[in-house]
Amino acid sequence: GASPTLYYLPNDIGISALDCTEAFRLLSPREQLYAHYLSRSAWYGGLAVLLQTSPESASIFLGNVATPGEGMNTKFIPNLPKENLKALVWQSQAFQDSPSEMEALWDSCSTLLFSLEDKQKQLGLGDKGITTYFSGNCCLEDAELAQRFLDSKNLSAYNTRLFKKKSEGKASYEVRLASAVQKGESGETRCGRYNFEDCVFTVSRGDYDHLMKKVSENLEKAKDHAANENQKRMLEGYSRSFTFGSVEAHKEGSRFWIKDKGPIVESYIGFIESYRDPFGSRGEFEGFVAVVNKAMSERFAKLVSSAEVLLPELPWPKDFEKDRFLLPDFTSLDVLTFAGSGIPAGINIPNYDDIRQSEGFKNVSLGNVLAVAYATQKDKLTFLDEDDKDVYIKWKGPSFEVQVGLHELLGHGSGKLFVQDEKGTFNFEQDNVRNPETGEKVSITTWYKGNETWDSKFSTISCSYEECRAECVGLYLCLNKHVLSIFGHEGQDAEEVVYVNWLNMVRAGLLGLEFYTSESKSWRQAHMQARFVILRVLLEAGEGLVTLKESTGKDGRPDALITLDRSKIHTVGKGAIESFLCKLQVLKSTADVEGGRALYEGYSAVSDGGSHNFLCLRETVLQRKEARKMFVQANTRVKGDSVELVEYEGSAAGLICSFTERFADDAEEVEAHLLELNKRDAPCWF
């Protein structure tokens, strides 16, 4: 087995406070109240993530031994012996106040908390890992069967979990929807019992019911302070969705959310990203509230207005581009609240493909997260030579802003899916599409039919493949002088931005190896896998564009050095990305799953053969990894007619204090509900 040190969270982990003071101060009293109640909804709903992660997560949280990890797909364990941690818990005020409850919590989670058995070390299905999206007796075949069942009933998997039982010799499955109510109207949620492929499926409701009730109650309160009709209708849709378990109602809310263009207080809430479901289709709860950051938003708006000029620059014929570019509403915001398993630097939602294709989507760049996440100290910058480190530190911020803008907007916003709808109508001319590689007209033989979507066709690779496509668009278009000038970069400065953006990408590809599990040969993080794929493509381009060498560090331990020849970016580099990006798009447009998998899984493979020993490099990356930062978020409190922003210092104490005070008003109720929800399914996991 792997050494336990890989799973320790280091004691000197970086903890930073997310600064939202100025943005919040500029809100009107009404906007502040709106933001406050949305934040409450998000925080209550965010507790569901504990129940979506592992059997022990909720107990750990209640014992306040640790707060939820930031976007981790692998386990982390306390960096001290079990008996020392126990002694610490026994000394705590909580233990003095209620020893029997604390002892029960300790007993329910301490063994699992420290366990590094193979199955306990990462998220996964069946014997590959731990997940609480599925009962412990489910494997990949069960997940696939359930997906076919859900498709047959036109039900989304986003807000579901799957529990397998045996009854009358037949396999029987419970598909449980997240909702405040268990009974009541069931029209669009299809509650009931069904026979399907020799099995019995029961669709039921009431998952996380106490939490969903709190979410809905606070959304109703927020509605009284909404700025317009769209916000009200949006909150009604969400509230109905969390009350009755209907994804259709959430979609309806999302449609009004898209219509609410450029609000001062932006938010989104629900079962959204499917990165942490081992099967890739169940959404993790998240809720965020963020406030407009005016300067950065202006630069992104300029990029949007240039989309019509920039899209034709991409390396595919116009047949492969949407008939009209749907201008996404893309803004830079400062996060006030982000409840979930981690805080991203940017988001592009909704994830409902049908809405994205027909009505558009929103892009949000989270400015204050970027500012904190990438303030790098020179001594912690790994795998670069000294000169590169200086340039990197100077230009990382500006280059990352360019990449985020291009990735989110022209990356995710570009490219067309070839679709034949239920009525048999095609959105492309089957015999009149040019092959980008040869320029000749070809007959298209594969496309998306009926209710097939990109996610349902490309399933396990869809997330990472799409992130890779968007990252490539960023690398490709940042070479464009017009793009650089939009962000205020001219002449030599512009070249530095390009150099650091490409350098950061190849370094990130190497760092990404941390998120590859060699035992199960699987990637745990979509963006990291995408960057590794790009590193492979650029190494393969040859001609000295990128060099990656293993070495020995000053400390005598294995090290590595990655370099990029800046004189070859515009030639060798551009050519390699152009050709790869074009392949990615054609395979995506034409729903060519076999071709897409072959290409993407080929580049994603991590082996010790070939020109680089990536398995060996992975060990080096793991030994020298810098832990991800943890963020401390402010709380809001209603005082009379106004809202007070309560801030905390960027330290472990500040982090714990922020969580304790967050639920202080109804702590006992929250704890009782969480414990009950946790116990309800405890027998299902093992």
Foldseek 3Di string as FASTA:
>chain_A
DDDLVLQADDPPAFFAAQDCVVLLVPDDQLVNLLLFLLQQLQALQLLVQQLFAFLLSLLCVLLLLDDFAAPDQWHHAYPDDLVVSVVVSCPDPVCVVPVVVNVVSCVRHSCLRSDDDQQSTGFAAASNHFGSLEFNPDHPVNVVQVVVVCVVLVHAQAQWGKYWDADPNAIEIETEFQALDFDDDCVQVPADWDQDPRYIYGYTYHALNVSLVSSLVSLVSSLVSDPDDLSNQLSVLSSCCRHRRHVVSNVRSQLSLQVPAPDQKHKHWDQAFQLNPNQGGYGFTKIWIWGADPPLFQLLVVVLVCLVVCLVVALFDCLFKQPDQQRAREGETATQHIRHNHDDQKDWDDPPVVCCNPPNTHIYGHVSCLVPQPQDDLVLDAQADPVLSVLLNVQVSLLVSLLSSQLRGVQLRITAAFEQEPVRDTPGDQQAGADSVPRHTHGQDFGHYYPDDLCNLQGPLSLLLSSLLSSLSSLQCLVPQVSLVSSPADDPRSLSSSQSSVVVLLVLQLLLLLQADPVVRDGSDSNNLSSVLLNLLLVVLDPPQKDKAWDADPVRHIGIHIDGDSVCCVPSVNVSSSVVSSQSRVCSNRSVNVSNCVSSVVSSGQACDDPHNSVVSSVNSSVSPRDGYHYQHWRWDDDPSRIDTGAFGRDPVRRSVRVCVNCVVPSVVSSVSSVVSSVVCSVRHD
